[in-house]
Amino acid sequence: AQRALDLAEGTNDTRAQAQAHNMLGILANSR
């Protein structure tokens, strides 16, 4: 998920950033 966010921010891909933040949020909630 962190790799996804790094790549999304590097390419300025809004959809990918939203997806990566969503995934990191899911993981944080599970912890």
PDB file of all heavy atoms in Angstrom:
ATOM      1  N   ALA A   1       0.827  -1.207   0.000  1.00  0.00           N
ATOM      2  CA  ALA A   1       0.000   0.000   0.000  1.00  0.00           C
ATOM      3  C   ALA A   1       0.864   1.261   0.000  1.00  0.00           C
ATOM      4  O   ALA A   1       0.547   2.247  -0.670  1.00  0.00           O
ATOM      5  CB  ALA A   1      -0.926  -0.005   1.209  1.00  0.00           C
ATOM      6  N   GLN A   2       1.971   1.227   0.739  1.00  0.00           N
ATOM      7  CA  GLN A   2       2.861   2.382   0.765  1.00  0.00           C
ATOM      8  C   GLN A   2       3.541   2.575  -0.583  1.00  0.00           C
ATOM      9  O   GLN A   2       3.710   3.708  -1.051  1.00  0.00           O
ATOM     10  CB  GLN A   2       3.920   2.204   1.865  1.00  0.00           C
ATOM     11  CG  GLN A   2       4.754   3.451   2.118  1.00  0.00           C
ATOM     12  CD  GLN A   2       3.921   4.644   2.530  1.00  0.00           C
ATOM     13  OE1 GLN A   2       3.183   4.587   3.508  1.00  0.00           O
ATOM     14  NE2 GLN A   2       4.038   5.746   1.784  1.00  0.00           N
ATOM     15  N   ARG A   3       3.913   1.465  -1.240  1.00  0.00           N
ATOM     16  CA  ARG A   3       4.466   1.561  -2.598  1.00  0.00           C
ATOM     17  C   ARG A   3       3.448   2.190  -3.544  1.00  0.00           C
ATOM     18  O   ARG A   3       3.788   3.012  -4.405  1.00  0.00           O
ATOM     19  CB  ARG A   3       4.854   0.173  -3.111  1.00  0.00           C
ATOM     20  CG  ARG A   3       6.092  -0.430  -2.481  1.00  0.00           C
ATOM     21  CD  ARG A   3       6.545  -1.621  -3.307  1.00  0.00           C
ATOM     22  NE  ARG A   3       7.377  -2.541  -2.547  1.00  0.00           N
ATOM     23  CZ  ARG A   3       7.922  -3.634  -3.050  1.00  0.00           C
ATOM     24  NH1 ARG A   3       7.700  -3.954  -4.323  1.00  0.00           N
ATOM     25  NH2 ARG A   3       8.676  -4.425  -2.312  1.00  0.00           N
ATOM     26  N   ALA A   4       2.208   1.769  -3.399  1.00  0.00           N
ATOM     27  CA  ALA A   4       1.139   2.321  -4.243  1.00  0.00           C
ATOM     28  C   ALA A   4       1.020   3.822  -4.064  1.00  0.00           C
ATOM     29  O   ALA A   4       0.911   4.581  -5.044  1.00  0.00           O
ATOM     30  CB  ALA A   4      -0.191   1.639  -3.912  1.00  0.00           C
ATOM     31  N   LEU A   5       1.069   4.278  -2.814  1.00  0.00           N
ATOM     32  CA  LEU A   5       0.953   5.713  -2.552  1.00  0.00           C
ATOM     33  C   LEU A   5       2.153   6.480  -3.104  1.00  0.00           C
ATOM     34  O   LEU A   5       1.987   7.539  -3.712  1.00  0.00           O
ATOM     35  CB  LEU A   5       0.821   5.956  -1.047  1.00  0.00           C
ATOM     36  CG  LEU A   5       0.639   7.421  -0.629  1.00  0.00           C
ATOM     37  CD1 LEU A   5      -0.609   8.016  -1.271  1.00  0.00           C
ATOM     38  CD2 LEU A   5       0.569   7.536   0.888  1.00  0.00           C
ATOM     39  N   ASP A   6       3.352   5.949  -2.925  1.00  0.00           N
ATOM     40  CA  ASP A   6       4.557   6.619  -3.427  1.00  0.00           C
ATOM     41  C   ASP A   6       4.500   6.777  -4.946  1.00  0.00           C
ATOM     42  O   ASP A   6       4.822   7.842  -5.485  1.00  0.00           O
ATOM     43  CB  ASP A   6       5.802   5.827  -3.029  1.00  0.00           C
ATOM     44  CG  ASP A   6       6.059   5.857  -1.517  1.00  0.00           C
ATOM     45  OD1 ASP A   6       5.488   6.736  -0.841  1.00  0.00           O
ATOM     46  OD2 ASP A   6       6.809   4.986  -1.031  1.00  0.00           O
ATOM     47  N   LEU A   7       4.099   5.722  -5.624  1.00  0.00           N
ATOM     48  CA  LEU A   7       4.006   5.774  -7.091  1.00  0.00           C
ATOM     49  C   LEU A   7       2.907   6.739  -7.532  1.00  0.00           C
ATOM     50  O   LEU A   7       3.080   7.502  -8.490  1.00  0.00           O
ATOM     51  CB  LEU A   7       3.729   4.384  -7.649  1.00  0.00           C
ATOM     52  CG  LEU A   7       4.914   3.431  -7.731  1.00  0.00           C
ATOM     53  CD1 LEU A   7       4.445   2.007  -8.019  1.00  0.00           C
ATOM     54  CD2 LEU A   7       5.888   3.880  -8.834  1.00  0.00           C
ATOM     55  N   ALA A   8       1.774   6.702  -6.842  1.00  0.00           N
ATOM     56  CA  ALA A   8       0.647   7.561  -7.213  1.00  0.00           C
ATOM     57  C   ALA A   8       1.005   9.029  -7.055  1.00  0.00           C
ATOM     58  O   ALA A   8       0.669   9.866  -7.903  1.00  0.00           O
ATOM     59  CB  ALA A   8      -0.566   7.218  -6.358  1.00  0.00           C
ATOM     60  N   GLU A   9       1.701   9.353  -5.980  1.00  0.00           N
ATOM     61  CA  GLU A   9       2.104  10.747  -5.771  1.00  0.00           C
ATOM     62  C   GLU A   9       3.179  11.153  -6.767  1.00  0.00           C
ATOM     63  O   GLU A   9       3.215  12.308  -7.218  1.00  0.00           O
ATOM     64  CB  GLU A   9       2.597  10.919  -4.338  1.00  0.00           C
ATOM     65  CG  GLU A   9       1.466  10.833  -3.314  1.00  0.00           C
ATOM     66  CD  GLU A   9       1.944  10.965  -1.886  1.00  0.00           C
ATOM     67  OE1 GLU A   9       3.156  10.741  -1.627  1.00  0.00           O
ATOM     68  OE2 GLU A   9       1.111  11.298  -1.016  1.00  0.00           O
ATOM     69  N   GLY A  10       4.027  10.194  -7.146  1.00  0.00           N
ATOM     70  CA  GLY A  10       5.081  10.490  -8.114  1.00  0.00           C
ATOM     71  C   GLY A  10       4.548  10.772  -9.501  1.00  0.00           C
ATOM     72  O   GLY A  10       5.133  11.557 -10.253  1.00  0.00           O
ATOM     73  N   THR A  11       3.445  10.131  -9.850  1.00  0.00           N
ATOM     74  CA  THR A  11       2.847  10.327 -11.178  1.00  0.00           C
ATOM     75  C   THR A  11       1.669  11.293 -11.145  1.00  0.00           C
ATOM     76  O   THR A  11       1.052  11.550 -12.173  1.00  0.00           O
ATOM     77  CB  THR A  11       2.370   8.982 -11.754  1.00  0.00           C
ATOM     78  OG1 THR A  11       1.435   8.374 -10.843  1.00  0.00           O
ATOM     79  CG2 THR A  11       3.539   8.045 -11.985  1.00  0.00           C
ATOM     80  N   ASN A  12       1.349  11.815  -9.942  1.00  0.00           N
ATOM     81  CA  ASN A  12       0.234  12.752  -9.776  1.00  0.00           C
ATOM     82  C   ASN A  12      -1.087  12.147 -10.278  1.00  0.00           C
ATOM     83  O   ASN A  12      -1.901  12.825 -10.896  1.00  0.00           O
ATOM     84  CB  ASN A  12       0.529  14.077 -10.506  1.00  0.00           C
ATOM     85  CG  ASN A  12      -0.319  15.218  -9.970  1.00  0.00           C
ATOM     86  OD1 ASN A  12      -0.705  15.218  -8.804  1.00  0.00           O
ATOM     87  ND2 ASN A  12      -0.619  16.188 -10.819  1.00  0.00           N
ATOM     88  N   ASP A  13      -1.286  10.864  -9.974  1.00  0.00           N
ATOM     89  CA  ASP A  13      -2.497  10.142 -10.383  1.00  0.00           C
ATOM     90  C   ASP A  13      -3.506  10.221  -9.233  1.00  0.00           C
ATOM     91  O   ASP A  13      -3.377   9.535  -8.224  1.00  0.00           O
ATOM     92  CB  ASP A  13      -2.134   8.683 -10.684  1.00  0.00           C
ATOM     93  CG  ASP A  13      -3.301   7.886 -11.247  1.00  0.00           C
ATOM     94  OD1 ASP A  13      -4.456   8.221 -10.938  1.00  0.00           O
ATOM     95  OD2 ASP A  13      -3.051   6.911 -11.984  1.00  0.00           O
ATOM     96  N   THR A  14      -4.529  11.061  -9.399  1.00  0.00           N
ATOM     97  CA  THR A  14      -5.500  11.293  -8.323  1.00  0.00           C
ATOM     98  C   THR A  14      -6.263  10.019  -7.970  1.00  0.00           C
ATOM     99  O   THR A  14      -6.485   9.725  -6.787  1.00  0.00           O
ATOM    100  CB  THR A  14      -6.500  12.391  -8.733  1.00  0.00           C
ATOM    101  OG1 THR A  14      -5.780  13.580  -9.053  1.00  0.00           O
ATOM    102  CG2 THR A  14      -7.477  12.685  -7.599  1.00  0.00           C
ATOM    103  N   ARG A  15      -6.670   9.271  -8.970  1.00  0.00           N
ATOM    104  CA  ARG A  15      -7.426   8.037  -8.709  1.00  0.00           C
ATOM    105  C   ARG A  15      -6.573   7.043  -7.920  1.00  0.00           C
ATOM    106  O   ARG A  15      -7.046   6.422  -6.963  1.00  0.00           O
ATOM    107  CB  ARG A  15      -7.899   7.417 -10.024  1.00  0.00           C
ATOM    108  CG  ARG A  15      -8.817   6.220  -9.844  1.00  0.00           C
ATOM    109  CD  ARG A  15      -9.292   5.684 -11.197  1.00  0.00           C
ATOM    110  NE  ARG A  15     -10.227   4.596 -11.030  1.00  0.00           N
ATOM    111  CZ  ARG A  15      -9.894   3.332 -10.805  1.00  0.00           C
ATOM    112  NH1 ARG A  15      -8.604   3.011 -10.714  1.00  0.00           N
ATOM    113  NH2 ARG A  15     -10.802   2.395 -10.646  1.00  0.00           N
ATOM    114  N   ALA A  16      -5.321   6.887  -8.335  1.00  0.00           N
ATOM    115  CA  ALA A  16      -4.424   5.961  -7.640  1.00  0.00           C
ATOM    116  C   ALA A  16      -4.138   6.433  -6.223  1.00  0.00           C
ATOM    117  O   ALA A  16      -4.033   5.616  -5.292  1.00  0.00           O
ATOM    118  CB  ALA A  16      -3.124   5.806  -8.422  1.00  0.00           C
ATOM    119  N   GLN A  17      -4.012   7.760  -6.039  1.00  0.00           N
ATOM    120  CA  GLN A  17      -3.801   8.292  -4.690  1.00  0.00           C
ATOM    121  C   GLN A  17      -4.998   7.995  -3.789  1.00  0.00           C
ATOM    122  O   GLN A  17      -4.834   7.595  -2.626  1.00  0.00           O
ATOM    123  CB  GLN A  17      -3.570   9.803  -4.748  1.00  0.00           C
ATOM    124  CG  GLN A  17      -2.221  10.215  -5.322  1.00  0.00           C
ATOM    125  CD  GLN A  17      -2.053  11.723  -5.336  1.00  0.00           C
ATOM    126  OE1 GLN A  17      -2.169  12.378  -4.307  1.00  0.00           O
ATOM    127  NE2 GLN A  17      -1.789  12.275  -6.512  1.00  0.00           N
ATOM    128  N   ALA A  18      -6.206   8.170  -4.333  1.00  0.00           N
ATOM    129  CA  ALA A  18      -7.418   7.887  -3.556  1.00  0.00           C
ATOM    130  C   ALA A  18      -7.469   6.420  -3.169  1.00  0.00           C
ATOM    131  O   ALA A  18      -7.818   6.071  -2.030  1.00  0.00           O
ATOM    132  CB  ALA A  18      -8.655   8.278  -4.363  1.00  0.00           C
ATOM    133  N   GLN A  19      -7.099   5.550  -4.109  1.00  0.00           N
ATOM    134  CA  GLN A  19      -7.118   4.113  -3.850  1.00  0.00           C
ATOM    135  C   GLN A  19      -6.071   3.728  -2.797  1.00  0.00           C
ATOM    136  O   GLN A  19      -6.337   2.928  -1.898  1.00  0.00           O
ATOM    137  CB  GLN A  19      -6.865   3.345  -5.149  1.00  0.00           C
ATOM    138  CG  GLN A  19      -7.052   1.847  -5.036  1.00  0.00           C
ATOM    139  CD  GLN A  19      -6.788   1.122  -6.353  1.00  0.00           C
ATOM    140  OE1 GLN A  19      -6.376   1.744  -7.344  1.00  0.00           O
ATOM    141  NE2 GLN A  19      -7.019  -0.173  -6.372  1.00  0.00           N
ATOM    142  N   ALA A  20      -4.870   4.306  -2.916  1.00  0.00           N
ATOM    143  CA  ALA A  20      -3.794   3.986  -1.972  1.00  0.00           C
ATOM    144  C   ALA A  20      -4.127   4.478  -0.563  1.00  0.00           C
ATOM    145  O   ALA A  20      -3.914   3.761   0.430  1.00  0.00           O
ATOM    146  CB  ALA A  20      -2.482   4.594  -2.453  1.00  0.00           C
ATOM    147  N   HIS A  21      -4.649   5.703  -0.446  1.00  0.00           N
ATOM    148  CA  HIS A  21      -5.050   6.217   0.858  1.00  0.00           C
ATOM    149  C   HIS A  21      -6.166   5.353   1.459  1.00  0.00           C
ATOM    150  O   HIS A  21      -6.183   5.095   2.672  1.00  0.00           O
ATOM    151  CB  HIS A  21      -5.519   7.663   0.740  1.00  0.00           C
ATOM    152  CG  HIS A  21      -4.408   8.663   0.772  1.00  0.00           C
ATOM    153  ND1 HIS A  21      -3.849   9.189  -0.371  1.00  0.00           N
ATOM    154  CD2 HIS A  21      -3.741   9.237   1.814  1.00  0.00           C
ATOM    155  CE1 HIS A  21      -2.893  10.043  -0.044  1.00  0.00           C
ATOM    156  NE2 HIS A  21      -2.808  10.088   1.272  1.00  0.00           N
ATOM    157  N   ASN A  22      -7.070   4.919   0.605  1.00  0.00           N
ATOM    158  CA  ASN A  22      -8.155   4.056   1.070  1.00  0.00           C
ATOM    159  C   ASN A  22      -7.601   2.752   1.653  1.00  0.00           C
ATOM    160  O   ASN A  22      -8.015   2.293   2.723  1.00  0.00           O
ATOM    161  CB  ASN A  22      -9.102   3.754  -0.095  1.00  0.00           C
ATOM    162  CG  ASN A  22     -10.320   2.962   0.324  1.00  0.00           C
ATOM    163  OD1 ASN A  22     -11.074   3.381   1.199  1.00  0.00           O
ATOM    164  ND2 ASN A  22     -10.515   1.809  -0.284  1.00  0.00           N
ATOM    165  N   MET A  23      -6.613   2.179   0.957  1.00  0.00           N
ATOM    166  CA  MET A  23      -6.029   0.918   1.411  1.00  0.00           C
ATOM    167  C   MET A  23      -5.258   1.107   2.706  1.00  0.00           C
ATOM    168  O   MET A  23      -5.356   0.278   3.631  1.00  0.00           O
ATOM    169  CB  MET A  23      -5.104   0.377   0.304  1.00  0.00           C
ATOM    170  CG  MET A  23      -4.702  -1.073   0.482  1.00  0.00           C
ATOM    171  SD  MET A  23      -6.118  -2.171   0.510  1.00  0.00           S
ATOM    172  CE  MET A  23      -5.868  -2.976   2.077  1.00  0.00           C
ATOM    173  N   LEU A  24      -4.508   2.189   2.801  1.00  0.00           N
ATOM    174  CA  LEU A  24      -3.767   2.459   4.038  1.00  0.00           C
ATOM    175  C   LEU A  24      -4.731   2.705   5.210  1.00  0.00           C
ATOM    176  O   LEU A  24      -4.453   2.327   6.350  1.00  0.00           O
ATOM    177  CB  LEU A  24      -2.843   3.665   3.844  1.00  0.00           C
ATOM    178  CG  LEU A  24      -1.594   3.392   2.992  1.00  0.00           C
ATOM    179  CD1 LEU A  24      -0.944   4.689   2.543  1.00  0.00           C
ATOM    180  CD2 LEU A  24      -0.586   2.530   3.765  1.00  0.00           C
ATOM    181  N   GLY A  25      -5.871   3.313   4.911  1.00  0.00           N
ATOM    182  CA  GLY A  25      -6.893   3.520   5.940  1.00  0.00           C
ATOM    183  C   GLY A  25      -7.491   2.211   6.417  1.00  0.00           C
ATOM    184  O   GLY A  25      -7.736   2.024   7.621  1.00  0.00           O
ATOM    185  N   ILE A  26      -7.741   1.297   5.485  1.00  0.00           N
ATOM    186  CA  ILE A  26      -8.261  -0.023   5.843  1.00  0.00           C
ATOM    187  C   ILE A  26      -7.288  -0.741   6.771  1.00  0.00           C
ATOM    188  O   ILE A  26      -7.683  -1.325   7.790  1.00  0.00           O
ATOM    189  CB  ILE A  26      -8.497  -0.861   4.573  1.00  0.00           C
ATOM    190  CG1 ILE A  26      -9.663  -0.302   3.754  1.00  0.00           C
ATOM    191  CG2 ILE A  26      -8.765  -2.326   4.923  1.00  0.00           C
ATOM    192  CD1 ILE A  26      -9.828  -0.958   2.390  1.00  0.00           C
ATOM    193  N   LEU A  27      -6.010  -0.685   6.419  1.00  0.00           N
ATOM    194  CA  LEU A  27      -4.990  -1.376   7.216  1.00  0.00           C
ATOM    195  C   LEU A  27      -4.840  -0.747   8.598  1.00  0.00           C
ATOM    196  O   LEU A  27      -4.684  -1.462   9.596  1.00  0.00           O
ATOM    197  CB  LEU A  27      -3.652  -1.355   6.468  1.00  0.00           C
ATOM    198  CG  LEU A  27      -3.628  -2.151   5.156  1.00  0.00           C
ATOM    199  CD1 LEU A  27      -2.349  -1.878   4.373  1.00  0.00           C
ATOM    200  CD2 LEU A  27      -3.768  -3.643   5.429  1.00  0.00           C
ATOM    201  N   ALA A  28      -4.904   0.578   8.662  1.00  0.00           N
ATOM    202  CA  ALA A  28      -4.807   1.251   9.959  1.00  0.00           C
ATOM    203  C   ALA A  28      -5.999   0.884  10.845  1.00  0.00           C
ATOM    204  O   ALA A  28      -5.849   0.651  12.053  1.00  0.00           O
ATOM    205  CB  ALA A  28      -4.728   2.764   9.764  1.00  0.00           C
ATOM    206  N   ASN A  29      -7.175   0.828  10.240  1.00  0.00           N
ATOM    207  CA  ASN A  29      -8.383   0.453  10.988  1.00  0.00           C
ATOM    208  C   ASN A  29      -8.270  -0.974  11.524  1.00  0.00           C
ATOM    209  O   ASN A  29      -8.649  -1.258  12.667  1.00  0.00           O
ATOM    210  CB  ASN A  29      -9.607   0.591  10.091  1.00  0.00           C
ATOM    211  CG  ASN A  29     -10.908   0.413  10.850  1.00  0.00           C
ATOM    212  OD1 ASN A  29     -10.963   0.587  12.065  1.00  0.00           O
ATOM    213  ND2 ASN A  29     -11.968   0.067  10.145  1.00  0.00           N
ATOM    214  N   SER A  30      -7.719  -1.875  10.687  1.00  0.00           N
ATOM    215  CA  SER A  30      -7.584  -3.273  11.119  1.00  0.00           C
ATOM    216  C   SER A  30      -6.596  -3.416  12.281  1.00  0.00           C
ATOM    217  O   SER A  30      -6.694  -4.360  13.079  1.00  0.00           O
ATOM    218  CB  SER A  30      -7.140  -4.139   9.943  1.00  0.00           C
ATOM    219  OG  SER A  30      -5.794  -3.872   9.576  1.00  0.00           O
ATOM    220  N   ARG A  31      -5.656  -2.462  12.389  1.00  0.00           N
ATOM    221  CA  ARG A  31      -4.677  -2.501  13.477  1.00  0.00           C
ATOM    222  C   ARG A  31      -5.151  -1.721  14.708  1.00  0.00           C
ATOM    223  O   ARG A  31      -4.470  -1.692  15.726  1.00  0.00           O
ATOM    224  CB  ARG A  31      -3.329  -1.916  13.018  1.00  0.00           C
ATOM    225  CG  ARG A  31      -2.668  -2.662  11.865  1.00  0.00           C
ATOM    226  CD  ARG A  31      -1.204  -2.243  11.701  1.00  0.00           C
ATOM    227  NE  ARG A  31      -1.034  -0.814  11.686  1.00  0.00           N
ATOM    228  CZ  ARG A  31      -1.135  -0.043  10.596  1.00  0.00           C
ATOM    229  NH1 ARG A  31      -1.432  -0.588   9.430  1.00  0.00           N
ATOM    230  NH2 ARG A  31      -0.944   1.265  10.677  1.00  0.00           N
TER     231      ARG A  31
END
